[in-house]
Amino acid sequence: MKKMKTKNVVMVALLSALYLIVYMLSGALVALFGAFGHAISPGLCALLSGSIFVFMSRKVGKFGQFTIMTAILMIIFSIMGAGYLPWIITSMVGAIIADLIASRGNKPAIWKVAIASGILHIGQAWGSIVPSWFFVESYKQEWIERGMEAADMEEKAAATQGMMGVLATAVVFVLAFAGVYLGWLILKKHLSKSED
């Protein structure tokens, strides 16, 4: 495994900024689909940002790239007041697993990048699914105290509890997996030329 250099960290930071823009855009789009839309929002983001993951795997390709990207995002969201410890934990665990899958070798197979993206984005989605499964009352209370309406929080919890959480997990993985292949189709010609 090759170690990260300063230029790699800078590239990851720039790609993280681009990813954040896509994340905000997808968040606005899923708002149209209510509470379940929020539950699968990491999947929509992954579908739209698959090319970022493909590009990163080819132009950075170092262990820690997904972990650093996720850490940057978690810091930004925490500064914005949206940090939530279970979300940070599940997101970071997902990112570390993604790195173990697709960041240990140079130019990993696209299917590995697709699985890594799926796991990373499940990590993000589980930030609301895991609390709904295991400590729903404290989860609802936390966000109500932060200013969410109680009725909205009830809807969010209902959209991620039990089998709805399993469904959301599956949808997020499928969208993330598809996003990488879509990104590969978009970038394939460009990346092939630059690798010649």
C-alpha atoms as a PDB file:
ATOM      1  CA  MET A   1       0.000   0.000   0.000  1.00  0.00           C
ATOM      2  CA  LYS A   2       1.376   3.388  -0.994  1.00  0.00           C
ATOM      3  CA  LYS A   3       1.180   6.178   1.556  1.00  0.00           C
ATOM      4  CA  MET A   4      -0.720   9.405   1.040  1.00  0.00           C
ATOM      5  CA  LYS A   5       1.326  12.392  -0.064  1.00  0.00           C
ATOM      6  CA  THR A   6       0.356  16.025   0.432  1.00  0.00           C
ATOM      7  CA  LYS A   7      -0.815  16.317  -3.184  1.00  0.00           C
ATOM      8  CA  ASN A   8      -3.079  13.279  -2.636  1.00  0.00           C
ATOM      9  CA  VAL A   9      -4.652  14.841   0.462  1.00  0.00           C
ATOM     10  CA  VAL A  10      -5.218  18.092  -1.477  1.00  0.00           C
ATOM     11  CA  MET A  11      -6.888  16.136  -4.299  1.00  0.00           C
ATOM     12  CA  VAL A  12      -9.115  14.291  -1.802  1.00  0.00           C
ATOM     13  CA  ALA A  13     -10.067  17.637  -0.202  1.00  0.00           C
ATOM     14  CA  LEU A  14     -10.997  19.104  -3.600  1.00  0.00           C
ATOM     15  CA  LEU A  15     -13.032  16.021  -4.510  1.00  0.00           C
ATOM     16  CA  SER A  16     -14.684  16.207  -1.073  1.00  0.00           C
ATOM     17  CA  ALA A  17     -15.771  19.780  -1.818  1.00  0.00           C
ATOM     18  CA  LEU A  18     -17.258  18.635  -5.131  1.00  0.00           C
ATOM     19  CA  TYR A  19     -18.948  15.713  -3.374  1.00  0.00           C
ATOM     20  CA  LEU A  20     -20.397  18.098  -0.772  1.00  0.00           C
ATOM     21  CA  ILE A  21     -22.045  20.116  -3.562  1.00  0.00           C
ATOM     22  CA  VAL A  22     -23.606  16.936  -4.965  1.00  0.00           C
ATOM     23  CA  TYR A  23     -24.641  15.921  -1.430  1.00  0.00           C
ATOM     24  CA  MET A  24     -26.466  19.233  -0.896  1.00  0.00           C
ATOM     25  CA  LEU A  25     -28.145  19.005  -4.313  1.00  0.00           C
ATOM     26  CA  SER A  26     -29.305  15.431  -3.707  1.00  0.00           C
ATOM     27  CA  GLY A  27     -30.529  16.421  -0.233  1.00  0.00           C
ATOM     28  CA  ALA A  28     -32.735  19.084  -1.811  1.00  0.00           C
ATOM     29  CA  LEU A  29     -34.065  16.590  -4.378  1.00  0.00           C
ATOM     30  CA  VAL A  30     -34.964  13.885  -1.852  1.00  0.00           C
ATOM     31  CA  ALA A  31     -36.852  16.386   0.275  1.00  0.00           C
ATOM     32  CA  LEU A  32     -39.594  15.942  -2.341  1.00  0.00           C
ATOM     33  CA  PHE A  33     -39.949  12.292  -1.255  1.00  0.00           C
ATOM     34  CA  GLY A  34     -40.471  12.888   2.445  1.00  0.00           C
ATOM     35  CA  ALA A  35     -39.000  10.858   5.269  1.00  0.00           C
ATOM     36  CA  PHE A  36     -38.101   7.807   3.173  1.00  0.00           C
ATOM     37  CA  GLY A  37     -36.386  10.115   0.699  1.00  0.00           C
ATOM     38  CA  HIS A  38     -34.227  11.356   3.559  1.00  0.00           C
ATOM     39  CA  ALA A  39     -33.433   7.738   4.523  1.00  0.00           C
ATOM     40  CA  ILE A  40     -32.145   6.959   1.024  1.00  0.00           C
ATOM     41  CA  SER A  41     -30.514  10.349   0.383  1.00  0.00           C
ATOM     42  CA  PRO A  42     -26.973   8.918   0.619  1.00  0.00           C
ATOM     43  CA  GLY A  43     -27.932   6.555  -2.214  1.00  0.00           C
ATOM     44  CA  LEU A  44     -29.113   9.362  -4.480  1.00  0.00           C
ATOM     45  CA  CYS A  45     -25.947  11.291  -3.678  1.00  0.00           C
ATOM     46  CA  ALA A  46     -23.916   8.178  -4.552  1.00  0.00           C
ATOM     47  CA  LEU A  47     -25.779   7.738  -7.838  1.00  0.00           C
ATOM     48  CA  LEU A  48     -24.956  11.328  -8.815  1.00  0.00           C
ATOM     49  CA  SER A  49     -21.367  11.253  -7.527  1.00  0.00           C
ATOM     50  CA  GLY A  50     -20.167   7.889  -8.806  1.00  0.00           C
ATOM     51  CA  SER A  51     -17.741   9.591 -11.177  1.00  0.00           C
ATOM     52  CA  ILE A  52     -16.052  11.238  -8.163  1.00  0.00           C
ATOM     53  CA  PHE A  53     -15.361   7.809  -6.673  1.00  0.00           C
ATOM     54  CA  VAL A  54     -14.084   6.423  -9.970  1.00  0.00           C
ATOM     55  CA  PHE A  55     -11.856   9.460 -10.488  1.00  0.00           C
ATOM     56  CA  MET A  56     -10.515   9.247  -6.927  1.00  0.00           C
ATOM     57  CA  SER A  57      -9.754   5.538  -7.289  1.00  0.00           C
ATOM     58  CA  ARG A  58      -7.722   6.270 -10.441  1.00  0.00           C
ATOM     59  CA  LYS A  59      -6.074   9.613  -9.618  1.00  0.00           C
ATOM     60  CA  VAL A  60      -5.465   9.201  -5.875  1.00  0.00           C
ATOM     61  CA  GLY A  61      -5.660   5.460  -5.364  1.00  0.00           C
ATOM     62  CA  LYS A  62      -4.178   5.460  -1.864  1.00  0.00           C
ATOM     63  CA  PHE A  63      -5.348   3.801   1.319  1.00  0.00           C
ATOM     64  CA  GLY A  64      -7.263   6.295   3.447  1.00  0.00           C
ATOM     65  CA  GLN A  65      -8.775   8.272   0.570  1.00  0.00           C
ATOM     66  CA  PHE A  66     -12.387   7.432   1.507  1.00  0.00           C
ATOM     67  CA  THR A  67     -11.704   7.811   5.228  1.00  0.00           C
ATOM     68  CA  ILE A  68     -10.170  11.269   4.772  1.00  0.00           C
ATOM     69  CA  MET A  69     -13.035  12.316   2.499  1.00  0.00           C
ATOM     70  CA  THR A  70     -15.616  11.180   5.037  1.00  0.00           C
ATOM     71  CA  ALA A  71     -13.745  12.830   7.925  1.00  0.00           C
ATOM     72  CA  ILE A  72     -13.725  16.132   6.012  1.00  0.00           C
ATOM     73  CA  LEU A  73     -17.480  15.848   5.417  1.00  0.00           C
ATOM     74  CA  MET A  74     -18.200  14.969   9.042  1.00  0.00           C
ATOM     75  CA  ILE A  75     -16.161  17.957  10.244  1.00  0.00           C
ATOM     76  CA  ILE A  76     -18.008  20.298   7.866  1.00  0.00           C
ATOM     77  CA  PHE A  77     -21.432  18.954   8.876  1.00  0.00           C
ATOM     78  CA  SER A  78     -20.496  19.192  12.563  1.00  0.00           C
ATOM     79  CA  ILE A  79     -19.466  22.831  12.106  1.00  0.00           C
ATOM     80  CA  MET A  80     -22.837  23.428  10.414  1.00  0.00           C
ATOM     81  CA  GLY A  81     -24.597  21.943  13.457  1.00  0.00           C
ATOM     82  CA  ALA A  82     -25.663  18.682  11.782  1.00  0.00           C
ATOM     83  CA  GLY A  83     -23.070  16.455  13.460  1.00  0.00           C
ATOM     84  CA  TYR A  84     -24.546  13.473  15.287  1.00  0.00           C
ATOM     85  CA  LEU A  85     -22.282  10.927  16.991  1.00  0.00           C
ATOM     86  CA  PRO A  86     -24.006   7.747  15.667  1.00  0.00           C
ATOM     87  CA  TRP A  87     -23.909   9.211  12.129  1.00  0.00           C
ATOM     88  CA  ILE A  88     -20.225  10.083  12.475  1.00  0.00           C
ATOM     89  CA  ILE A  89     -19.434   6.581  13.782  1.00  0.00           C
ATOM     90  CA  THR A  90     -21.371   4.662  11.102  1.00  0.00           C
ATOM     91  CA  SER A  91     -20.032   6.950   8.350  1.00  0.00           C
ATOM     92  CA  MET A  92     -16.414   6.542   9.459  1.00  0.00           C
ATOM     93  CA  VAL A  93     -16.756   2.755   9.823  1.00  0.00           C
ATOM     94  CA  GLY A  94     -18.273   2.583   6.328  1.00  0.00           C
ATOM     95  CA  ALA A  95     -15.401   4.678   4.935  1.00  0.00           C
ATOM     96  CA  ILE A  96     -12.724   2.519   6.569  1.00  0.00           C
ATOM     97  CA  ILE A  97     -14.338  -0.635   5.155  1.00  0.00           C
ATOM     98  CA  ALA A  98     -14.531   1.071   1.743  1.00  0.00           C
ATOM     99  CA  ASP A  99     -10.800   1.773   1.947  1.00  0.00           C
ATOM    100  CA  LEU A 100     -10.093  -1.854   2.867  1.00  0.00           C
ATOM    101  CA  ILE A 101     -12.084  -2.989  -0.184  1.00  0.00           C
ATOM    102  CA  ALA A 102     -10.891  -0.572  -2.863  1.00  0.00           C
ATOM    103  CA  SER A 103      -7.881   1.443  -1.685  1.00  0.00           C
ATOM    104  CA  ARG A 104      -5.202  -1.164  -1.056  1.00  0.00           C
ATOM    105  CA  GLY A 105      -4.057  -1.563  -4.643  1.00  0.00           C
ATOM    106  CA  ASN A 106      -3.463   0.618  -7.651  1.00  0.00           C
ATOM    107  CA  LYS A 107      -6.459   1.006  -9.990  1.00  0.00           C
ATOM    108  CA  PRO A 108      -8.854  -1.444  -8.305  1.00  0.00           C
ATOM    109  CA  ALA A 109     -11.483  -3.233 -10.365  1.00  0.00           C
ATOM    110  CA  ILE A 110     -14.578  -1.106 -10.909  1.00  0.00           C
ATOM    111  CA  TRP A 111     -16.726  -3.687  -9.119  1.00  0.00           C
ATOM    112  CA  LYS A 112     -14.568  -3.180  -6.017  1.00  0.00           C
ATOM    113  CA  VAL A 113     -15.032   0.588  -6.227  1.00  0.00           C
ATOM    114  CA  ALA A 114     -18.792   0.018  -6.652  1.00  0.00           C
ATOM    115  CA  ILE A 115     -18.960  -2.200  -3.556  1.00  0.00           C
ATOM    116  CA  ALA A 116     -16.808   0.284  -1.625  1.00  0.00           C
ATOM    117  CA  SER A 117     -19.160   3.111  -2.564  1.00  0.00           C
ATOM    118  CA  GLY A 118     -22.134   0.982  -1.524  1.00  0.00           C
ATOM    119  CA  ILE A 119     -20.625   0.279   1.904  1.00  0.00           C
ATOM    120  CA  LEU A 120     -19.518   3.890   2.414  1.00  0.00           C
ATOM    121  CA  HIS A 121     -22.996   5.208   1.634  1.00  0.00           C
ATOM    122  CA  ILE A 122     -24.688   2.560   3.780  1.00  0.00           C
ATOM    123  CA  GLY A 123     -22.498   3.913   6.573  1.00  0.00           C
ATOM    124  CA  GLN A 124     -23.994   7.339   5.975  1.00  0.00           C
ATOM    125  CA  ALA A 125     -27.553   5.986   5.791  1.00  0.00           C
ATOM    126  CA  TRP A 126     -27.110   3.987   8.975  1.00  0.00           C
ATOM    127  CA  GLY A 127     -26.585   7.241  10.856  1.00  0.00           C
ATOM    128  CA  SER A 128     -30.381   7.421  11.053  1.00  0.00           C
ATOM    129  CA  ILE A 129     -31.254   3.737  10.579  1.00  0.00           C
ATOM    130  CA  VAL A 130     -29.199   2.333  13.478  1.00  0.00           C
ATOM    131  CA  PRO A 131     -30.637   4.829  15.995  1.00  0.00           C
ATOM    132  CA  SER A 132     -34.157   3.965  14.769  1.00  0.00           C
ATOM    133  CA  TRP A 133     -33.444   0.277  15.322  1.00  0.00           C
ATOM    134  CA  PHE A 134     -31.721   0.434  18.692  1.00  0.00           C
ATOM    135  CA  PHE A 135     -32.451   3.679  20.576  1.00  0.00           C
ATOM    136  CA  VAL A 136     -35.300   5.408  18.798  1.00  0.00           C
ATOM    137  CA  GLU A 137     -36.612   7.433  21.741  1.00  0.00           C
ATOM    138  CA  SER A 138     -33.284   9.123  22.528  1.00  0.00           C
ATOM    139  CA  TYR A 139     -32.726   9.622  18.766  1.00  0.00           C
ATOM    140  CA  LYS A 140     -36.056  11.431  18.402  1.00  0.00           C
ATOM    141  CA  GLN A 141     -35.488  13.437  21.574  1.00  0.00           C
ATOM    142  CA  GLU A 142     -32.016  14.562  20.430  1.00  0.00           C
ATOM    143  CA  TRP A 143     -33.321  16.034  17.179  1.00  0.00           C
ATOM    144  CA  ILE A 144     -36.472  17.514  18.699  1.00  0.00           C
ATOM    145  CA  GLU A 145     -34.219  19.348  21.168  1.00  0.00           C
ATOM    146  CA  ARG A 146     -32.208  20.595  18.181  1.00  0.00           C
ATOM    147  CA  GLY A 147     -35.341  22.153  16.708  1.00  0.00           C
ATOM    148  CA  MET A 148     -37.020  19.483  14.570  1.00  0.00           C
ATOM    149  CA  GLU A 149     -40.773  19.230  14.764  1.00  0.00           C
ATOM    150  CA  ALA A 150     -41.936  16.178  16.749  1.00  0.00           C
ATOM    151  CA  ALA A 151     -44.232  15.064  13.910  1.00  0.00           C
ATOM    152  CA  ASP A 152     -41.369  15.236  11.382  1.00  0.00           C
ATOM    153  CA  MET A 153     -39.152  13.222  13.697  1.00  0.00           C
ATOM    154  CA  GLU A 154     -41.856  10.571  14.086  1.00  0.00           C
ATOM    155  CA  GLU A 155     -42.028  10.274  10.289  1.00  0.00           C
ATOM    156  CA  LYS A 156     -38.237   9.999  10.011  1.00  0.00           C
ATOM    157  CA  ALA A 157     -38.102   7.273  12.619  1.00  0.00           C
ATOM    158  CA  ALA A 158     -40.984   5.361  11.034  1.00  0.00           C
ATOM    159  CA  ALA A 159     -39.242   5.506   7.625  1.00  0.00           C
ATOM    160  CA  THR A 160     -36.124   3.800   9.002  1.00  0.00           C
ATOM    161  CA  GLN A 161     -37.447   1.371  11.608  1.00  0.00           C
ATOM    162  CA  GLY A 162     -37.586  -2.391  11.088  1.00  0.00           C
ATOM    163  CA  MET A 163     -37.970  -3.546   7.506  1.00  0.00           C
ATOM    164  CA  MET A 164     -38.102   0.043   6.252  1.00  0.00           C
ATOM    165  CA  GLY A 165     -34.498   0.407   7.439  1.00  0.00           C
ATOM    166  CA  VAL A 166     -33.561  -2.817   5.648  1.00  0.00           C
ATOM    167  CA  LEU A 167     -35.265  -1.550   2.482  1.00  0.00           C
ATOM    168  CA  ALA A 168     -33.509   1.820   2.730  1.00  0.00           C
ATOM    169  CA  THR A 169     -30.160   0.038   3.199  1.00  0.00           C
ATOM    170  CA  ALA A 170     -30.733  -2.080   0.086  1.00  0.00           C
ATOM    171  CA  VAL A 171     -31.835   0.919  -2.002  1.00  0.00           C
ATOM    172  CA  VAL A 172     -28.786   2.942  -0.906  1.00  0.00           C
ATOM    173  CA  PHE A 173     -26.420   0.103  -1.822  1.00  0.00           C
ATOM    174  CA  VAL A 174     -27.998  -0.444  -5.258  1.00  0.00           C
ATOM    175  CA  LEU A 175     -27.942   3.289  -6.084  1.00  0.00           C
ATOM    176  CA  ALA A 176     -24.324   3.621  -4.924  1.00  0.00           C
ATOM    177  CA  PHE A 177     -23.233   0.550  -6.890  1.00  0.00           C
ATOM    178  CA  ALA A 178     -25.008   1.825 -10.011  1.00  0.00           C
ATOM    179  CA  GLY A 179     -23.517   5.297  -9.524  1.00  0.00           C
ATOM    180  CA  VAL A 180     -19.964   3.970  -9.822  1.00  0.00           C
ATOM    181  CA  TYR A 181     -20.778   2.141 -13.060  1.00  0.00           C
ATOM    182  CA  LEU A 182     -22.487   5.271 -14.391  1.00  0.00           C
ATOM    183  CA  GLY A 183     -19.413   7.282 -13.392  1.00  0.00           C
ATOM    184  CA  TRP A 184     -17.172   4.724 -15.109  1.00  0.00           C
ATOM    185  CA  LEU A 185     -19.187   5.068 -18.331  1.00  0.00           C
ATOM    186  CA  ILE A 186     -18.839   8.853 -18.166  1.00  0.00           C
ATOM    187  CA  LEU A 187     -15.095   8.867 -17.420  1.00  0.00           C
ATOM    188  CA  LYS A 188     -13.929   5.707 -19.200  1.00  0.00           C
ATOM    189  CA  LYS A 189     -12.721   7.397 -22.371  1.00  0.00           C
ATOM    190  CA  HIS A 190     -11.010  10.251 -20.484  1.00  0.00           C
ATOM    191  CA  LEU A 191      -9.301   7.901 -18.029  1.00  0.00           C
ATOM    192  CA  SER A 192      -8.179   5.537 -20.786  1.00  0.00           C
ATOM    193  CA  LYS A 193      -6.515   8.427 -22.642  1.00  0.00           C
ATOM    194  CA  SER A 194      -4.792   9.750 -19.533  1.00  0.00           C
ATOM    195  CA  GLU A 195      -3.488   6.284 -18.666  1.00  0.00           C
ATOM    196  CA  ASP A 196      -1.900   5.781 -22.101  1.00  0.00           C
END
